[in-house]
Amino acid sequence: MLAGLLVAGCAKPLPPTTPVYEFYNALLNRYFRTANAEEAAALRSSAASGEVDTGKTFLAYPRTGYPENAKPVCRFYGSVSPGPNSHFYTVDPDECDRLKKLQQTTPSTEKRWNFEEIAFAMQVPAGDSCPADAPIPVYRVYNSGFERGKDSNHRFMTDPVLYQTMISQGWIGEKVVMCAPKG
């Protein structure tokens, strides 16, 4: 029998998922996420990068072949100079489009987010609620870097206690911004 065929009365097979790894750079006080296994392996193998794997991984759908109720997640990067030396992710298509348009109208000599790629796919929350087939809320916090003259940084997490801890440390809570599938 071929893999992936459904048998009458059997549950629909789960769509494929991919891990989204988190790294922390203490020198830069910056968090970074990637669903690219080769990029994650390169960061782990290079102590000079300063990136340390936090072990706080969540699942996403691959950037191609995701379920129809999931949406692509846009990955943006500032720049080393003028900055921000950080990445930003959004599943919100309007936010992605706004940042792409802002990139086109902001000179490269000014801080801006530059579109890099579709990094993975996730489901969009309804308020702070996630659907049954992607039940894990992904929270986002912001360090207010731009307002303080530092590099902006966002951290994405699935642990509500960690989310509250980050807020108590002065990060701005941006609530649930994506919904992750279970493994």
N, C-alpha and C. Protein backbone atom coordinates (compact mmCIF):
# COMPACT_ATOMS: atom_id res chain seq x y z
N MET A 1 0.84 -1.18 0.00
CA MET A 1 0.00 0.00 0.00
C MET A 1 0.88 1.24 0.00
N LEU A 2 0.51 2.26 -0.74
CA LEU A 2 1.28 3.48 -0.81
C LEU A 2 1.11 4.31 0.45
N ALA A 3 2.21 4.94 0.92
CA ALA A 3 2.15 5.81 2.09
C ALA A 3 1.26 7.00 1.77
N GLY A 4 0.50 7.44 2.76
CA GLY A 4 -0.32 8.64 2.59
C GLY A 4 -1.73 8.36 2.10
N LEU A 5 -2.03 7.09 1.66
CA LEU A 5 -3.39 6.77 1.23
C LEU A 5 -4.28 6.65 2.46
N LEU A 6 -5.48 7.10 2.34
CA LEU A 6 -6.41 7.01 3.45
C LEU A 6 -7.22 5.73 3.33
N VAL A 7 -7.46 5.10 4.45
CA VAL A 7 -8.31 3.93 4.50
C VAL A 7 -9.63 4.38 5.10
N ALA A 8 -10.73 3.89 4.57
CA ALA A 8 -12.04 4.30 5.07
C ALA A 8 -12.09 4.17 6.58
N GLY A 9 -12.56 5.23 7.25
CA GLY A 9 -12.69 5.22 8.70
C GLY A 9 -11.42 5.64 9.43
N CYS A 10 -10.32 5.85 8.72
CA CYS A 10 -9.07 6.25 9.37
C CYS A 10 -8.96 7.77 9.38
N ALA A 11 -8.25 8.26 10.34
CA ALA A 11 -8.05 9.71 10.46
C ALA A 11 -7.17 10.22 9.31
N LYS A 12 -7.39 11.47 8.96
CA LYS A 12 -6.59 12.13 7.93
C LYS A 12 -5.16 12.26 8.44
N PRO A 13 -4.16 11.97 7.60
CA PRO A 13 -2.78 12.08 8.07
C PRO A 13 -2.44 13.54 8.40
N LEU A 14 -1.59 13.69 9.39
CA LEU A 14 -1.17 15.03 9.80
C LEU A 14 -0.23 15.62 8.75
N PRO A 15 -0.35 16.93 8.50
CA PRO A 15 0.58 17.56 7.55
C PRO A 15 1.99 17.56 8.12
N PRO A 16 3.01 17.62 7.28
CA PRO A 16 4.38 17.63 7.78
C PRO A 16 4.65 18.93 8.55
N THR A 17 5.55 18.83 9.52
CA THR A 17 5.96 19.99 10.30
C THR A 17 7.48 20.10 10.28
N THR A 18 7.94 21.26 10.69
CA THR A 18 9.38 21.52 10.76
C THR A 18 9.66 22.27 12.07
N PRO A 19 10.76 21.98 12.75
CA PRO A 19 11.07 22.72 13.97
C PRO A 19 11.54 24.14 13.67
N VAL A 20 11.18 25.05 14.55
CA VAL A 20 11.65 26.43 14.49
C VAL A 20 12.52 26.63 15.74
N TYR A 21 13.82 26.72 15.52
CA TYR A 21 14.81 26.78 16.59
C TYR A 21 14.98 28.21 17.10
N GLU A 22 15.33 28.34 18.38
CA GLU A 22 15.60 29.66 18.96
C GLU A 22 17.05 29.73 19.41
N PHE A 23 17.69 30.87 19.13
CA PHE A 23 19.06 31.15 19.56
C PHE A 23 19.08 32.47 20.33
N TYR A 24 20.05 32.56 21.23
CA TYR A 24 20.23 33.79 21.99
C TYR A 24 21.69 34.20 21.89
N ASN A 25 21.92 35.50 21.64
CA ASN A 25 23.26 36.05 21.58
C ASN A 25 23.40 37.01 22.76
N ALA A 26 24.15 36.60 23.79
CA ALA A 26 24.29 37.40 25.01
C ALA A 26 25.01 38.72 24.75
N LEU A 27 25.99 38.72 23.87
CA LEU A 27 26.73 39.95 23.57
C LEU A 27 25.79 41.01 22.98
N LEU A 28 24.89 40.58 22.12
CA LEU A 28 23.94 41.50 21.48
C LEU A 28 22.60 41.59 22.22
N ASN A 29 22.42 40.72 23.23
CA ASN A 29 21.15 40.62 23.96
C ASN A 29 20.00 40.50 22.95
N ARG A 30 20.11 39.49 22.07
CA ARG A 30 19.20 39.33 20.95
C ARG A 30 18.76 37.87 20.80
N TYR A 31 17.48 37.69 20.53
CA TYR A 31 16.93 36.37 20.23
C TYR A 31 16.74 36.25 18.73
N PHE A 32 16.86 35.03 18.23
CA PHE A 32 16.73 34.77 16.80
C PHE A 32 16.07 33.42 16.60
N ARG A 33 15.17 33.32 15.63
CA ARG A 33 14.50 32.07 15.28
C ARG A 33 14.83 31.70 13.84
N THR A 34 14.92 30.40 13.59
CA THR A 34 15.08 29.89 12.23
C THR A 34 14.44 28.51 12.11
N ALA A 35 13.80 28.28 10.96
CA ALA A 35 13.27 26.96 10.63
C ALA A 35 14.19 26.26 9.64
N ASN A 36 15.29 26.89 9.31
CA ASN A 36 16.26 26.33 8.37
C ASN A 36 17.26 25.48 9.16
N ALA A 37 17.18 24.17 9.00
CA ALA A 37 18.03 23.26 9.77
C ALA A 37 19.51 23.48 9.50
N GLU A 38 19.87 23.82 8.25
CA GLU A 38 21.27 24.08 7.92
C GLU A 38 21.77 25.35 8.61
N GLU A 39 20.93 26.38 8.63
CA GLU A 39 21.29 27.63 9.31
C GLU A 39 21.46 27.37 10.82
N ALA A 40 20.56 26.60 11.40
CA ALA A 40 20.66 26.27 12.83
C ALA A 40 21.93 25.49 13.12
N ALA A 41 22.25 24.51 12.28
CA ALA A 41 23.47 23.71 12.48
C ALA A 41 24.72 24.58 12.36
N ALA A 42 24.72 25.51 11.41
CA ALA A 42 25.88 26.40 11.25
C ALA A 42 26.06 27.28 12.49
N LEU A 43 24.97 27.78 13.04
CA LEU A 43 25.07 28.61 14.25
C LEU A 43 25.58 27.79 15.44
N ARG A 44 25.08 26.57 15.58
CA ARG A 44 25.53 25.70 16.69
C ARG A 44 27.01 25.36 16.58
N SER A 45 27.51 25.23 15.35
CA SER A 45 28.90 24.79 15.15
C SER A 45 29.91 25.94 15.17
N SER A 46 29.43 27.19 15.28
CA SER A 46 30.33 28.34 15.26
C SER A 46 30.24 29.12 16.56
N ALA A 47 31.14 28.82 17.48
CA ALA A 47 31.16 29.54 18.75
C ALA A 47 31.40 31.03 18.54
N ALA A 48 32.09 31.38 17.47
CA ALA A 48 32.40 32.79 17.19
C ALA A 48 31.14 33.60 16.89
N SER A 49 30.06 32.94 16.48
CA SER A 49 28.82 33.66 16.16
C SER A 49 28.18 34.25 17.42
N GLY A 50 28.48 33.64 18.56
CA GLY A 50 27.87 34.09 19.81
C GLY A 50 26.45 33.58 20.00
N GLU A 51 25.94 32.84 19.04
CA GLU A 51 24.56 32.34 19.12
C GLU A 51 24.53 31.02 19.88
N VAL A 52 23.66 30.94 20.88
CA VAL A 52 23.52 29.73 21.68
C VAL A 52 22.08 29.23 21.54
N ASP A 53 21.94 27.95 21.24
CA ASP A 53 20.62 27.34 21.09
C ASP A 53 19.95 27.29 22.46
N THR A 54 18.77 27.91 22.60
CA THR A 54 18.07 27.93 23.88
C THR A 54 17.32 26.63 24.15
N GLY A 55 17.12 25.82 23.10
CA GLY A 55 16.35 24.60 23.25
C GLY A 55 14.84 24.84 23.23
N LYS A 56 14.43 26.07 23.06
CA LYS A 56 13.00 26.42 23.04
C LYS A 56 12.49 26.40 21.60
N THR A 57 12.16 25.22 21.15
CA THR A 57 11.74 24.99 19.77
C THR A 57 10.23 24.84 19.72
N PHE A 58 9.62 25.33 18.66
CA PHE A 58 8.21 25.01 18.39
C PHE A 58 8.12 24.52 16.96
N LEU A 59 6.98 23.94 16.62
CA LEU A 59 6.79 23.39 15.28
C LEU A 59 6.03 24.38 14.39
N ALA A 60 6.31 24.29 13.11
CA ALA A 60 5.61 25.07 12.09
C ALA A 60 5.43 24.15 10.89
N TYR A 61 4.71 24.64 9.91
CA TYR A 61 4.61 23.91 8.65
C TYR A 61 5.73 24.40 7.74
N PRO A 62 6.24 23.53 6.87
CA PRO A 62 7.28 23.97 5.94
C PRO A 62 6.74 25.08 5.04
N ARG A 63 7.65 25.86 4.47
CA ARG A 63 7.23 27.02 3.67
C ARG A 63 6.54 26.65 2.36
N THR A 64 6.63 25.41 1.98
CA THR A 64 5.87 24.91 0.82
C THR A 64 5.11 23.66 1.26
N GLY A 65 3.96 23.46 0.70
CA GLY A 65 3.19 22.26 1.01
C GLY A 65 2.49 22.31 2.35
N TYR A 66 2.11 23.49 2.81
CA TYR A 66 1.43 23.61 4.09
C TYR A 66 -0.08 23.51 3.90
N PRO A 67 -0.82 23.23 4.98
CA PRO A 67 -2.28 23.12 4.86
C PRO A 67 -2.92 24.43 4.38
N GLU A 68 -4.07 24.34 3.74
CA GLU A 68 -4.71 25.53 3.17
C GLU A 68 -5.14 26.54 4.23
N ASN A 69 -5.34 26.11 5.47
CA ASN A 69 -5.74 27.06 6.52
C ASN A 69 -4.54 27.71 7.20
N ALA A 70 -3.34 27.39 6.77
CA ALA A 70 -2.13 28.05 7.28
C ALA A 70 -1.73 29.15 6.30
N LYS A 71 -0.93 30.07 6.81
CA LYS A 71 -0.46 31.21 6.00
C LYS A 71 1.07 31.27 6.03
N PRO A 72 1.68 31.78 4.96
CA PRO A 72 3.14 31.91 4.95
C PRO A 72 3.59 32.95 5.98
N VAL A 73 4.74 32.69 6.58
CA VAL A 73 5.34 33.60 7.55
C VAL A 73 6.50 34.33 6.87
N CYS A 74 6.40 35.65 6.83
CA CYS A 74 7.44 36.48 6.21
C CYS A 74 8.58 36.68 7.20
N ARG A 75 9.80 36.56 6.70
CA ARG A 75 11.00 36.80 7.50
C ARG A 75 11.67 38.07 7.00
N PHE A 76 11.93 38.98 7.92
CA PHE A 76 12.59 40.24 7.62
C PHE A 76 13.87 40.34 8.43
N TYR A 77 14.83 41.07 7.90
CA TYR A 77 16.07 41.37 8.61
C TYR A 77 16.36 42.85 8.41
N GLY A 78 16.89 43.50 9.42
CA GLY A 78 17.31 44.89 9.28
C GLY A 78 18.63 44.93 8.53
N SER A 79 19.69 45.18 9.23
CA SER A 79 21.04 45.15 8.69
C SER A 79 21.99 45.36 9.86
N VAL A 80 23.26 45.05 9.66
CA VAL A 80 24.23 45.32 10.72
C VAL A 80 24.31 46.84 10.91
N SER A 81 24.34 47.56 9.80
CA SER A 81 24.36 49.01 9.87
C SER A 81 23.52 49.54 8.71
N PRO A 82 22.55 50.34 8.91
CA PRO A 82 22.22 51.09 10.12
C PRO A 82 21.34 50.33 11.12
N GLY A 83 20.91 49.13 10.78
CA GLY A 83 20.13 48.32 11.71
C GLY A 83 18.67 48.24 11.26
N PRO A 84 17.86 47.61 12.07
CA PRO A 84 18.22 46.90 13.29
C PRO A 84 18.89 45.56 12.97
N ASN A 85 19.90 45.22 13.74
CA ASN A 85 20.61 43.96 13.57
C ASN A 85 19.77 42.86 14.22
N SER A 86 18.67 42.54 13.59
CA SER A 86 17.70 41.61 14.16
C SER A 86 16.79 41.11 13.06
N HIS A 87 16.02 40.05 13.37
CA HIS A 87 15.04 39.50 12.46
C HIS A 87 13.64 39.73 13.01
N PHE A 88 12.67 39.74 12.12
CA PHE A 88 11.27 39.89 12.51
C PHE A 88 10.44 38.94 11.65
N TYR A 89 9.45 38.30 12.27
CA TYR A 89 8.59 37.36 11.56
C TYR A 89 7.13 37.78 11.73
N THR A 90 6.35 37.64 10.67
CA THR A 90 4.92 37.90 10.77
C THR A 90 4.15 36.94 9.87
N VAL A 91 3.04 36.45 10.39
CA VAL A 91 2.11 35.62 9.62
C VAL A 91 0.97 36.47 9.08
N ASP A 92 0.89 37.71 9.53
CA ASP A 92 -0.17 38.63 9.11
C ASP A 92 0.16 39.17 7.72
N PRO A 93 -0.64 38.80 6.69
CA PRO A 93 -0.31 39.24 5.33
C PRO A 93 -0.31 40.76 5.17
N ASP A 94 -1.19 41.45 5.89
CA ASP A 94 -1.21 42.92 5.80
C ASP A 94 0.06 43.52 6.39
N GLU A 95 0.51 42.99 7.52
CA GLU A 95 1.74 43.48 8.13
C GLU A 95 2.94 43.20 7.23
N CYS A 96 2.96 42.03 6.63
CA CYS A 96 4.04 41.67 5.69
C CYS A 96 4.07 42.65 4.52
N ASP A 97 2.90 42.91 3.94
CA ASP A 97 2.83 43.83 2.80
C ASP A 97 3.25 45.25 3.20
N ARG A 98 2.80 45.71 4.39
CA ARG A 98 3.17 47.06 4.85
C ARG A 98 4.69 47.19 4.99
N LEU A 99 5.32 46.16 5.58
CA LEU A 99 6.78 46.22 5.76
C LEU A 99 7.51 46.16 4.42
N LYS A 100 7.00 45.40 3.48
CA LYS A 100 7.61 45.36 2.14
C LYS A 100 7.50 46.73 1.46
N LYS A 101 6.33 47.37 1.58
CA LYS A 101 6.14 48.70 0.98
C LYS A 101 7.03 49.73 1.67
N LEU A 102 7.14 49.63 3.00
CA LEU A 102 8.00 50.55 3.74
C LEU A 102 9.46 50.38 3.33
N GLN A 103 9.87 49.16 3.07
CA GLN A 103 11.23 48.90 2.59
C GLN A 103 11.48 49.63 1.28
N GLN A 104 10.50 49.63 0.39
CA GLN A 104 10.65 50.28 -0.92
C GLN A 104 10.76 51.79 -0.82
N THR A 105 10.17 52.38 0.22
CA THR A 105 10.15 53.84 0.33
C THR A 105 11.15 54.39 1.35
N THR A 106 11.84 53.51 2.07
CA THR A 106 12.83 53.94 3.06
C THR A 106 14.23 53.72 2.51
N PRO A 107 15.06 54.77 2.48
CA PRO A 107 16.43 54.60 1.97
C PRO A 107 17.20 53.55 2.77
N SER A 108 18.09 52.86 2.12
CA SER A 108 18.88 51.81 2.78
C SER A 108 19.83 52.38 3.83
N THR A 109 19.99 53.69 3.86
CA THR A 109 20.83 54.34 4.87
C THR A 109 20.07 54.58 6.17
N GLU A 110 18.77 54.29 6.17
CA GLU A 110 17.94 54.43 7.37
C GLU A 110 17.53 53.05 7.86
N LYS A 111 17.25 52.95 9.18
CA LYS A 111 16.79 51.68 9.73
C LYS A 111 15.49 51.27 9.07
N ARG A 112 15.42 50.00 8.70
CA ARG A 112 14.21 49.45 8.09
C ARG A 112 14.27 47.93 8.15
N TRP A 113 13.13 47.30 7.94
CA TRP A 113 13.08 45.85 7.81
C TRP A 113 13.14 45.50 6.33
N ASN A 114 14.01 44.54 5.99
CA ASN A 114 14.20 44.09 4.61
C ASN A 114 13.66 42.67 4.48
N PHE A 115 12.75 42.47 3.53
CA PHE A 115 12.17 41.13 3.32
C PHE A 115 13.27 40.17 2.88
N GLU A 116 13.33 39.00 3.54
CA GLU A 116 14.30 37.97 3.17
C GLU A 116 13.64 36.80 2.45
N GLU A 117 12.56 36.27 3.07
CA GLU A 117 11.97 35.06 2.51
C GLU A 117 10.68 34.69 3.23
N ILE A 118 9.99 33.72 2.66
CA ILE A 118 8.93 33.02 3.40
C ILE A 118 9.68 31.95 4.19
N ALA A 119 9.64 32.04 5.51
CA ALA A 119 10.46 31.17 6.35
C ALA A 119 9.78 29.85 6.68
N PHE A 120 8.48 29.88 6.91
CA PHE A 120 7.69 28.69 7.25
C PHE A 120 6.24 29.13 7.17
N ALA A 121 5.30 28.28 7.60
CA ALA A 121 3.88 28.64 7.58
C ALA A 121 3.28 28.31 8.95
N MET A 122 2.28 29.11 9.33
CA MET A 122 1.59 28.93 10.61
C MET A 122 0.13 29.28 10.40
N GLN A 123 -0.66 28.98 11.40
CA GLN A 123 -2.06 29.42 11.36
C GLN A 123 -2.18 30.76 12.09
N VAL A 124 -3.17 31.52 11.69
CA VAL A 124 -3.42 32.85 12.26
C VAL A 124 -4.38 32.69 13.43
N PRO A 125 -4.08 33.33 14.57
CA PRO A 125 -5.00 33.24 15.71
C PRO A 125 -6.26 34.08 15.48
N ALA A 126 -7.31 33.73 16.18
CA ALA A 126 -8.52 34.54 16.23
C ALA A 126 -8.50 35.18 17.62
N GLY A 127 -8.01 36.43 17.67
CA GLY A 127 -7.76 37.05 18.97
C GLY A 127 -6.59 36.34 19.61
N ASP A 128 -6.78 35.82 20.81
CA ASP A 128 -5.74 35.05 21.49
C ASP A 128 -6.03 33.55 21.42
N SER A 129 -6.95 33.15 20.55
CA SER A 129 -7.35 31.74 20.46
C SER A 129 -6.76 31.09 19.21
N CYS A 130 -6.37 29.84 19.38
CA CYS A 130 -5.83 29.07 18.26
C CYS A 130 -6.79 27.93 17.92
N PRO A 131 -6.82 27.51 16.65
CA PRO A 131 -7.73 26.44 16.23
C PRO A 131 -7.27 25.07 16.74
N ALA A 132 -8.16 24.13 16.71
CA ALA A 132 -7.88 22.79 17.23
C ALA A 132 -6.74 22.10 16.50
N ASP A 133 -6.57 22.37 15.20
CA ASP A 133 -5.51 21.69 14.45
C ASP A 133 -4.16 22.40 14.54
N ALA A 134 -4.11 23.55 15.20
CA ALA A 134 -2.85 24.26 15.50
C ALA A 134 -3.06 24.94 16.86
N PRO A 135 -3.13 24.14 17.92
CA PRO A 135 -3.60 24.63 19.22
C PRO A 135 -2.58 25.36 20.09
N ILE A 136 -1.35 25.46 19.63
CA ILE A 136 -0.30 26.03 20.50
C ILE A 136 -0.10 27.51 20.18
N PRO A 137 -0.45 28.41 21.12
CA PRO A 137 -0.25 29.83 20.89
C PRO A 137 1.23 30.19 20.86
N VAL A 138 1.60 31.03 19.90
CA VAL A 138 2.96 31.57 19.83
C VAL A 138 2.84 33.06 20.19
N TYR A 139 3.45 33.41 21.32
CA TYR A 139 3.43 34.78 21.83
C TYR A 139 4.64 35.55 21.29
N ARG A 140 4.47 36.87 21.17
CA ARG A 140 5.58 37.71 20.73
C ARG A 140 5.75 38.86 21.72
N VAL A 141 7.03 39.12 22.07
CA VAL A 141 7.36 40.28 22.89
C VAL A 141 8.37 41.14 22.12
N TYR A 142 8.39 42.41 22.48
CA TYR A 142 9.24 43.40 21.80
C TYR A 142 10.05 44.16 22.84
N ASN A 143 11.32 44.38 22.57
CA ASN A 143 12.23 45.02 23.53
C ASN A 143 12.21 46.55 23.51
N SER A 144 11.37 47.15 22.70
CA SER A 144 11.30 48.63 22.55
C SER A 144 12.65 49.22 22.14
N GLY A 145 13.42 48.46 21.40
CA GLY A 145 14.75 48.91 21.00
C GLY A 145 14.76 50.18 20.19
N PHE A 146 13.88 50.30 19.22
CA PHE A 146 13.86 51.49 18.36
C PHE A 146 13.65 52.74 19.20
N GLU A 147 12.70 52.66 20.12
CA GLU A 147 12.38 53.81 20.97
C GLU A 147 13.53 54.16 21.91
N ARG A 148 14.36 53.20 22.24
CA ARG A 148 15.48 53.43 23.17
C ARG A 148 16.81 53.64 22.44
N GLY A 149 16.78 53.71 21.10
CA GLY A 149 18.00 53.92 20.33
C GLY A 149 18.88 52.68 20.25
N LYS A 150 18.29 51.51 20.42
CA LYS A 150 19.01 50.23 20.33
C LYS A 150 18.39 49.41 19.20
N ASP A 151 19.00 48.28 18.91
CA ASP A 151 18.43 47.39 17.90
C ASP A 151 17.12 46.81 18.41
N SER A 152 16.09 46.88 17.58
CA SER A 152 14.81 46.24 17.91
C SER A 152 15.02 44.74 17.93
N ASN A 153 14.28 44.07 18.81
CA ASN A 153 14.32 42.62 18.86
C ASN A 153 12.96 42.12 19.32
N HIS A 154 12.53 41.04 18.68
CA HIS A 154 11.30 40.37 19.06
C HIS A 154 11.65 38.95 19.47
N ARG A 155 10.95 38.46 20.47
CA ARG A 155 11.12 37.06 20.87
C ARG A 155 9.78 36.38 20.73
N PHE A 156 9.81 35.18 20.17
CA PHE A 156 8.63 34.38 19.94
C PHE A 156 8.70 33.15 20.84
N MET A 157 7.60 32.84 21.55
CA MET A 157 7.63 31.73 22.49
C MET A 157 6.25 31.09 22.64
N THR A 158 6.23 29.87 23.10
CA THR A 158 4.96 29.16 23.32
C THR A 158 4.64 29.01 24.80
N ASP A 159 5.53 29.39 25.67
CA ASP A 159 5.35 29.23 27.12
C ASP A 159 4.73 30.50 27.70
N PRO A 160 3.49 30.44 28.21
CA PRO A 160 2.85 31.64 28.75
C PRO A 160 3.57 32.19 30.00
N VAL A 161 4.21 31.33 30.78
CA VAL A 161 4.96 31.79 31.96
C VAL A 161 6.19 32.57 31.50
N LEU A 162 6.90 32.08 30.50
CA LEU A 162 8.04 32.80 29.94
C LEU A 162 7.59 34.13 29.34
N TYR A 163 6.45 34.13 28.68
CA TYR A 163 5.89 35.36 28.11
C TYR A 163 5.70 36.41 29.22
N GLN A 164 5.08 36.02 30.32
CA GLN A 164 4.87 36.94 31.44
C GLN A 164 6.19 37.37 32.06
N THR A 165 7.16 36.47 32.14
CA THR A 165 8.48 36.80 32.68
C THR A 165 9.16 37.86 31.81
N MET A 166 9.09 37.71 30.50
CA MET A 166 9.69 38.70 29.59
C MET A 166 9.02 40.06 29.77
N ILE A 167 7.71 40.08 29.94
CA ILE A 167 7.00 41.33 30.16
C ILE A 167 7.46 41.97 31.47
N SER A 168 7.64 41.15 32.52
CA SER A 168 8.08 41.69 33.81
C SER A 168 9.51 42.23 33.73
N GLN A 169 10.26 41.81 32.71
CA GLN A 169 11.63 42.32 32.50
C GLN A 169 11.64 43.55 31.60
N GLY A 170 10.48 44.08 31.27
CA GLY A 170 10.40 45.31 30.49
C GLY A 170 10.09 45.15 29.01
N TRP A 171 9.95 43.92 28.53
CA TRP A 171 9.57 43.71 27.13
C TRP A 171 8.08 44.02 26.99
N ILE A 172 7.68 44.45 25.82
CA ILE A 172 6.28 44.75 25.54
C ILE A 172 5.60 43.49 25.03
N GLY A 173 4.52 43.08 25.69
CA GLY A 173 3.78 41.91 25.25
C GLY A 173 2.92 42.24 24.05
N GLU A 174 3.04 41.44 22.99
CA GLU A 174 2.25 41.64 21.78
C GLU A 174 1.23 40.53 21.57
N LYS A 175 1.02 39.74 22.62
CA LYS A 175 0.01 38.68 22.65
C LYS A 175 0.31 37.54 21.68
N VAL A 176 -0.74 36.78 21.36
CA VAL A 176 -0.61 35.63 20.46
C VAL A 176 -0.58 36.14 19.03
N VAL A 177 0.48 35.78 18.29
CA VAL A 177 0.62 36.26 16.92
C VAL A 177 0.62 35.14 15.88
N MET A 178 0.76 33.89 16.33
CA MET A 178 0.73 32.73 15.45
C MET A 178 0.23 31.53 16.23
N CYS A 179 -0.17 30.50 15.51
CA CYS A 179 -0.61 29.26 16.13
C CYS A 179 0.18 28.09 15.56
N ALA A 180 0.80 27.33 16.44
CA ALA A 180 1.66 26.21 16.03
C ALA A 180 0.92 24.87 16.14
N PRO A 181 1.25 23.96 15.24
CA PRO A 181 0.67 22.62 15.33
C PRO A 181 1.37 21.81 16.42
N LYS A 182 0.68 20.77 16.88
CA LYS A 182 1.31 19.81 17.82
C LYS A 182 2.16 18.86 17.03
N GLY A 183 3.12 18.27 17.69
CA GLY A 183 4.02 17.33 17.04
C GLY A 183 3.48 15.95 16.95
